[in-house]
Amino acid sequence: MPSLDQIRRLTQTLCLDGHLPEPYDPGNPPGKPPGTPPPNTPPDEDEPTPMPPPDRPLDPPVEEPPLRPPGKYVRRPSGLNGAAYRS
C-alpha cells in the first residue's frame, strides 16, 4: 500500500496538471485575461493628425404624420353600439 506522502504527491500533481495556466503573453500587462488585445499606442508626434470629414448640410426634418387623420372619426356614445350613427 502506498504511503500517505506518495498519495499526496500524486494527487497534487494531477490537480496541477488539470489546471495549467495559459502560456505567457508578453503583449498583455499582468492582471488582464489571456487573449486581451494590447492597448493602442499613441500616434507619433511626427505624423499629422487626420483631418475630420467636412461638415455636410443636415437633412431636412421629417414631419411625423398624425396618429389618425383629423375629422374622420366620430365619437360614439358607449352602450348604443353605434346603431343610431350608422349611415
C-alpha atoms as a PDB file:
ATOM      1  CA  MET A   1       0.000   0.000   0.000  1.00  0.00           C
ATOM      2  CA  PRO A   2       1.431   3.450  -0.925  1.00  0.00           C
ATOM      3  CA  SER A   3       2.379   5.803   1.831  1.00  0.00           C
ATOM      4  CA  LEU A   4       0.419   8.948   2.607  1.00  0.00           C
ATOM      5  CA  ASP A   5       3.222  11.116   1.172  1.00  0.00           C
ATOM      6  CA  GLN A   6       3.099   9.277  -2.165  1.00  0.00           C
ATOM      7  CA  ILE A   7      -0.685   9.722  -2.350  1.00  0.00           C
ATOM      8  CA  ARG A   8      -0.369  13.460  -1.642  1.00  0.00           C
ATOM      9  CA  ARG A   9       2.302  13.905  -4.331  1.00  0.00           C
ATOM     10  CA  LEU A  10       0.239  12.037  -6.904  1.00  0.00           C
ATOM     11  CA  THR A  11      -2.971  13.908  -6.163  1.00  0.00           C
ATOM     12  CA  GLN A  12      -1.236  17.299  -6.114  1.00  0.00           C
ATOM     13  CA  THR A  13       0.478  16.564  -9.430  1.00  0.00           C
ATOM     14  CA  LEU A  14      -2.785  15.517 -11.049  1.00  0.00           C
ATOM     15  CA  CYS A  15      -4.505  18.607  -9.703  1.00  0.00           C
ATOM     16  CA  LEU A  16      -1.776  20.895 -11.029  1.00  0.00           C
ATOM     17  CA  ASP A  17      -1.800  19.215 -14.444  1.00  0.00           C
ATOM     18  CA  GLY A  18      -5.543  19.735 -14.697  1.00  0.00           C
ATOM     19  CA  HIS A  19      -5.318  23.499 -14.127  1.00  0.00           C
ATOM     20  CA  LEU A  20      -2.339  24.674 -16.138  1.00  0.00           C
ATOM     21  CA  PRO A  21      -2.241  28.448 -16.690  1.00  0.00           C
ATOM     22  CA  GLU A  22      -2.362  29.965 -20.156  1.00  0.00           C
ATOM     23  CA  PRO A  23       1.021  30.468 -21.830  1.00  0.00           C
ATOM     24  CA  TYR A  24       2.725  33.758 -21.043  1.00  0.00           C
ATOM     25  CA  ASP A  25       1.835  36.534 -23.477  1.00  0.00           C
ATOM     26  CA  PRO A  26       4.257  39.479 -23.231  1.00  0.00           C
ATOM     27  CA  GLY A  27       1.755  41.742 -25.033  1.00  0.00           C
ATOM     28  CA  ASN A  28      -0.681  41.695 -22.120  1.00  0.00           C
ATOM     29  CA  PRO A  29       0.056  43.508 -18.875  1.00  0.00           C
ATOM     30  CA  PRO A  30      -0.418  41.458 -15.705  1.00  0.00           C
ATOM     31  CA  GLY A  31      -3.960  41.206 -14.435  1.00  0.00           C
ATOM     32  CA  LYS A  32      -5.589  41.096 -17.879  1.00  0.00           C
ATOM     33  CA  PRO A  33      -7.204  37.875 -19.124  1.00  0.00           C
ATOM     34  CA  PRO A  34      -5.391  35.968 -21.883  1.00  0.00           C
ATOM     35  CA  GLY A  35      -6.366  36.987 -25.393  1.00  0.00           C
ATOM     36  CA  THR A  36      -6.950  40.651 -24.477  1.00  0.00           C
ATOM     37  CA  PRO A  37      -5.569  42.835 -27.278  1.00  0.00           C
ATOM     38  CA  PRO A  38      -2.726  45.154 -26.314  1.00  0.00           C
ATOM     39  CA  PRO A  39      -3.634  48.813 -25.738  1.00  0.00           C
ATOM     40  CA  ASN A  40      -3.441  51.209 -28.679  1.00  0.00           C
ATOM     41  CA  THR A  41      -0.199  53.117 -28.867  1.00  0.00           C
ATOM     42  CA  PRO A  42      -0.435  56.906 -29.061  1.00  0.00           C
ATOM     43  CA  PRO A  43       0.242  58.326 -32.554  1.00  0.00           C
ATOM     44  CA  ASP A  44       3.711  59.573 -33.342  1.00  0.00           C
ATOM     45  CA  GLU A  45       4.219  63.296 -32.940  1.00  0.00           C
ATOM     46  CA  ASP A  46       5.774  63.448 -36.424  1.00  0.00           C
ATOM     47  CA  GLU A  47       2.575  62.146 -38.034  1.00  0.00           C
ATOM     48  CA  PRO A  48      -0.039  64.808 -38.762  1.00  0.00           C
ATOM     49  CA  THR A  49      -3.413  64.153 -37.217  1.00  0.00           C
ATOM     50  CA  PRO A  50      -6.043  63.113 -39.765  1.00  0.00           C
ATOM     51  CA  MET A  51      -8.489  65.805 -40.781  1.00  0.00           C
ATOM     52  CA  PRO A  52     -12.117  65.283 -39.758  1.00  0.00           C
ATOM     53  CA  PRO A  53     -14.605  64.814 -42.613  1.00  0.00           C
ATOM     54  CA  PRO A  54     -16.081  68.048 -43.978  1.00  0.00           C
ATOM     55  CA  ASP A  55     -19.353  69.169 -42.496  1.00  0.00           C
ATOM     56  CA  ARG A  56     -22.346  68.329 -44.634  1.00  0.00           C
ATOM     57  CA  PRO A  57     -25.684  70.082 -44.511  1.00  0.00           C
ATOM     58  CA  LEU A  58     -28.209  68.490 -42.231  1.00  0.00           C
ATOM     59  CA  ASP A  59     -31.083  66.587 -43.742  1.00  0.00           C
ATOM     60  CA  PRO A  60     -34.403  68.438 -43.631  1.00  0.00           C
ATOM     61  CA  PRO A  61     -36.540  67.423 -40.663  1.00  0.00           C
ATOM     62  CA  VAL A  62     -39.074  64.693 -41.327  1.00  0.00           C
ATOM     63  CA  GLU A  63     -42.627  65.586 -40.371  1.00  0.00           C
ATOM     64  CA  GLU A  64     -44.402  62.845 -38.497  1.00  0.00           C
ATOM     65  CA  PRO A  65     -47.880  62.041 -39.858  1.00  0.00           C
ATOM     66  CA  PRO A  66     -50.719  62.464 -37.357  1.00  0.00           C
ATOM     67  CA  LEU A  67     -51.727  59.338 -35.458  1.00  0.00           C
ATOM     68  CA  ARG A  68     -55.064  59.301 -37.250  1.00  0.00           C
ATOM     69  CA  PRO A  69     -56.481  61.601 -39.928  1.00  0.00           C
ATOM     70  CA  PRO A  70     -58.335  64.550 -38.370  1.00  0.00           C
ATOM     71  CA  GLY A  71     -62.111  64.714 -38.746  1.00  0.00           C
ATOM     72  CA  LYS A  72     -62.545  61.153 -39.926  1.00  0.00           C
ATOM     73  CA  TYR A  73     -63.798  59.652 -36.682  1.00  0.00           C
ATOM     74  CA  VAL A  74     -66.981  60.456 -34.739  1.00  0.00           C
ATOM     75  CA  ARG A  75     -67.168  59.721 -31.055  1.00  0.00           C
ATOM     76  CA  ARG A  76     -69.982  57.295 -30.398  1.00  0.00           C
ATOM     77  CA  PRO A  77     -71.714  57.063 -27.056  1.00  0.00           C
ATOM     78  CA  SER A  78     -70.903  53.835 -25.281  1.00  0.00           C
ATOM     79  CA  GLY A  79     -73.636  51.263 -24.825  1.00  0.00           C
ATOM     80  CA  LEU A  80     -75.557  52.054 -28.021  1.00  0.00           C
ATOM     81  CA  ASN A  81     -73.086  50.122 -30.150  1.00  0.00           C
ATOM     82  CA  GLY A  82     -73.334  52.908 -32.699  1.00  0.00           C
ATOM     83  CA  ALA A  83     -76.685  51.759 -34.143  1.00  0.00           C
ATOM     84  CA  ALA A  84     -78.103  55.304 -34.351  1.00  0.00           C
ATOM     85  CA  TYR A  85     -74.944  56.657 -36.005  1.00  0.00           C
ATOM     86  CA  ARG A  86     -74.638  54.221 -38.910  1.00  0.00           C
ATOM     87  CA  SER A  87     -75.108  55.749 -42.291  1.00  0.00           C
END
